[in-house]
Amino acid sequence: MKTSSNYVRNRVLKLNVGFLLSDGPGHSHISTFDVPKVRVAEDLDLDYLRGPVNLSRTKEGILVQAELEVGLKTECYRCLDAVNNVFTISIEELYSYPASSSSEFSVGADATLDLAPLLRDEALILATHGGLCRPDCLGLCIDCGANLNHESCQCALNNIDPRLAKLKELLNRQN
């Protein structure tokens, strides 16, 4: 069930809901995820996925409701270092049944619903908020691009605003 890169394949996000479809409207089921390192899509890997998913049968299909905790690696928005973030993804989506062309999400002919596209969308939205590697992150030098958390640069000392160059000369003469 694991891939060569130690990520669980995203087929764990495909839920067989045939038993709910046959039970009819009004029935529900709770599934719990506790998945380490899952590849949701080619462009998204989660460090983990945890939480309960409530599946409720309605006349229109299957209502999916969940509060899922995910671990997601992003970049610090100041210095671009890797940051391990923990996000809570709130899901409330109706998967139509039978499949409808007007619905983005639907239960397949094989009675499975795929949470991967929905999780991908929600996780990518959260990832855009980024995060800081630490509260006092110094960021990158605007001139040379050096990560000021790991190294210092001389750009700020050498690059004086030309409007203040005369003031710098005066200070140098006094010293």
Protein backbone atom coordinates (compact mmCIF):
# COMPACT_ATOMS: atom_id res chain seq x y z
CA MET A 1 0.00 0.00 0.00
CA LYS A 2 2.99 2.33 0.25
CA THR A 3 4.79 3.96 -2.62
CA SER A 4 8.54 3.96 -3.08
CA SER A 5 8.76 7.46 -1.56
CA ASN A 6 7.20 6.23 1.71
CA TYR A 7 3.91 8.01 1.07
CA VAL A 8 0.62 6.18 1.35
CA ARG A 9 -1.19 6.23 -1.98
CA ASN A 10 -4.19 8.48 -2.21
CA ARG A 11 -6.53 5.54 -2.74
CA VAL A 12 -7.04 5.61 1.06
CA LEU A 13 -9.02 8.78 0.34
CA LYS A 14 -11.50 6.86 -1.82
CA LEU A 15 -14.36 5.73 0.37
CA ASN A 16 -16.77 2.97 -0.58
CA VAL A 17 -20.22 4.27 0.31
CA GLY A 18 -22.30 1.54 -1.34
CA PHE A 19 -23.75 0.49 2.02
CA LEU A 20 -25.04 4.04 2.62
CA LEU A 21 -26.50 4.26 -0.86
CA SER A 22 -28.44 1.05 -0.33
CA ASP A 23 -29.63 2.09 3.16
CA GLY A 24 -31.33 5.18 1.78
CA PRO A 25 -31.71 8.75 3.05
CA GLY A 26 -31.36 9.41 6.76
CA HIS A 27 -28.54 6.96 7.47
CA SER A 28 -25.03 8.00 8.41
CA HIS A 29 -21.61 6.57 9.15
CA ILE A 30 -18.47 7.95 10.78
CA SER A 31 -15.07 6.99 9.39
CA THR A 32 -11.87 8.06 11.08
CA PHE A 33 -8.64 8.88 9.28
CA ASP A 34 -5.25 8.40 10.90
CA VAL A 35 -2.97 8.30 7.89
CA PRO A 36 0.76 9.08 7.91
CA LYS A 37 2.38 10.77 4.91
CA VAL A 38 -0.25 10.64 2.21
CA ARG A 39 0.26 11.85 -1.35
CA VAL A 40 -3.03 13.60 -2.10
CA ALA A 41 -2.01 14.68 -5.60
CA GLU A 42 1.15 15.04 -7.65
CA ASP A 43 1.62 18.56 -6.27
CA LEU A 44 0.58 17.92 -2.65
CA ASP A 45 1.91 15.64 0.07
CA LEU A 46 0.55 15.73 3.61
CA ASP A 47 2.72 14.66 6.54
CA TYR A 48 -0.39 13.18 8.15
CA LEU A 49 -4.18 13.28 8.01
CA ARG A 50 -6.26 12.73 11.14
CA GLY A 51 -9.85 13.10 12.16
CA PRO A 52 -13.40 11.84 11.85
CA VAL A 53 -15.43 12.07 8.65
CA ASN A 54 -19.21 11.97 8.95
CA LEU A 55 -20.96 10.52 5.89
CA SER A 56 -24.73 11.13 5.73
CA ARG A 57 -27.06 9.76 3.07
CA THR A 58 -29.43 12.37 1.66
CA LYS A 59 -31.88 12.31 -1.23
CA GLU A 60 -29.28 14.07 -3.38
CA GLY A 61 -26.29 11.88 -2.46
CA ILE A 62 -23.73 11.71 0.36
CA LEU A 63 -23.04 14.70 2.61
CA VAL A 64 -19.42 14.69 3.80
CA GLN A 65 -18.63 16.66 6.96
CA ALA A 66 -15.23 16.65 8.62
CA GLU A 67 -12.72 18.53 10.74
CA LEU A 68 -9.41 17.05 9.66
CA GLU A 69 -6.01 17.89 11.10
CA VAL A 70 -3.25 17.86 8.50
CA GLY A 71 0.49 18.31 8.66
CA LEU A 72 1.79 20.27 5.71
CA LYS A 73 5.26 21.47 4.79
CA THR A 74 5.31 25.01 3.45
CA GLU A 75 7.89 27.77 3.10
CA CYS A 76 8.41 30.65 5.49
CA TYR A 77 7.06 33.70 3.74
CA ARG A 78 10.04 35.81 4.87
CA CYS A 79 13.09 33.57 4.40
CA LEU A 80 11.79 30.60 2.34
CA ASP A 81 13.02 27.99 4.87
CA ALA A 82 10.86 24.87 5.23
CA VAL A 83 8.16 25.13 7.88
CA ASN A 84 6.07 22.26 9.30
CA ASN A 85 2.55 23.58 9.72
CA VAL A 86 -0.51 22.03 11.31
CA PHE A 87 -3.83 23.06 9.82
CA THR A 88 -7.43 22.10 10.44
CA ILE A 89 -9.41 21.56 7.27
CA SER A 90 -13.16 21.96 7.61
CA ILE A 91 -15.14 20.09 4.99
CA GLU A 92 -18.84 20.16 4.25
CA GLU A 93 -19.56 18.97 0.74
CA LEU A 94 -22.40 17.12 -0.94
CA TYR A 95 -21.30 14.35 -3.30
CA SER A 96 -24.20 13.90 -5.70
CA TYR A 97 -25.71 10.50 -6.44
CA PRO A 98 -26.42 9.57 -9.11
CA ALA A 99 -23.60 11.54 -10.70
CA SER A 100 -24.70 14.91 -11.98
CA SER A 101 -23.00 17.12 -14.54
CA SER A 102 -23.90 20.19 -12.44
CA SER A 103 -22.01 18.90 -9.41
CA GLU A 104 -18.24 19.10 -9.11
CA PHE A 105 -18.19 16.20 -6.65
CA SER A 106 -20.14 13.00 -7.14
CA VAL A 107 -20.25 9.36 -6.11
CA GLY A 108 -18.80 7.17 -8.86
CA ALA A 109 -20.57 4.31 -10.58
CA ASP A 110 -18.52 1.95 -8.38
CA ALA A 111 -20.12 3.55 -5.26
CA THR A 112 -16.91 5.33 -4.20
CA LEU A 113 -16.36 8.95 -3.45
CA ASP A 114 -12.92 10.48 -3.76
CA LEU A 115 -11.91 12.97 -1.06
CA ALA A 116 -8.53 13.71 -2.69
CA PRO A 117 -9.62 16.58 -5.01
CA LEU A 118 -11.52 18.29 -2.19
CA LEU A 119 -8.64 17.87 0.30
CA ARG A 120 -6.17 19.12 -2.29
CA ASP A 121 -8.18 22.28 -2.91
CA GLU A 122 -8.62 23.02 0.79
CA ALA A 123 -4.99 22.27 1.71
CA LEU A 124 -3.60 24.43 -1.10
CA ILE A 125 -5.75 27.33 0.03
CA LEU A 126 -4.39 26.96 3.57
CA ALA A 127 -0.82 26.60 2.30
CA THR A 128 -1.03 30.00 0.60
CA HIS A 129 -1.27 31.61 4.02
CA GLY A 130 2.23 30.27 4.67
CA GLY A 131 3.79 30.70 8.02
CA LEU A 132 6.85 31.96 9.77
CA CYS A 133 9.75 29.71 10.64
CA ARG A 134 10.01 31.67 13.91
CA PRO A 135 8.49 34.93 15.18
CA ASP A 136 11.74 36.90 14.85
CA CYS A 137 12.55 35.72 11.31
CA LEU A 138 14.86 38.23 9.63
CA GLY A 139 13.96 37.19 6.09
CA LEU A 140 16.09 37.62 2.97
CA CYS A 141 18.38 40.50 2.06
CA ILE A 142 16.62 42.55 -0.61
CA ASP A 143 19.86 43.13 -2.49
CA CYS A 144 21.79 39.85 -2.48
CA GLY A 145 19.10 37.37 -1.35
CA ALA A 146 21.10 36.01 1.62
CA ASN A 147 19.03 34.37 4.34
CA LEU A 148 19.67 36.75 7.24
CA ASN A 149 18.79 34.05 9.78
CA HIS A 150 21.81 31.98 8.70
CA GLU A 151 24.34 34.53 7.45
CA SER A 152 25.01 38.22 7.46
CA CYS A 153 25.66 40.33 4.41
CA GLN A 154 27.34 43.67 3.84
CA CYS A 155 24.71 45.01 1.44
CA ALA A 156 23.07 47.33 3.96
CA LEU A 157 26.45 48.81 4.95
CA ASN A 158 27.67 49.32 1.38
CA ASN A 159 24.48 50.52 -0.24
CA ILE A 160 23.62 53.99 0.99
CA ASP A 161 20.66 55.89 -0.34
CA PRO A 162 22.21 58.57 -2.62
CA ARG A 163 20.02 61.22 -0.99
CA LEU A 164 21.74 60.47 2.34
CA ALA A 165 25.29 60.15 1.00
CA LYS A 166 26.26 63.67 2.10
CA LEU A 167 25.02 62.96 5.60
CA LYS A 168 27.17 59.82 5.66
CA GLU A 169 30.20 61.90 4.61
CA LEU A 170 29.55 64.34 7.47
CA LEU A 171 29.33 61.52 9.98
CA ASN A 172 32.55 60.00 8.69
CA ARG A 173 34.38 63.37 8.98
CA GLN A 174 33.23 63.79 12.59
CA ASN A 175 34.54 60.33 13.51
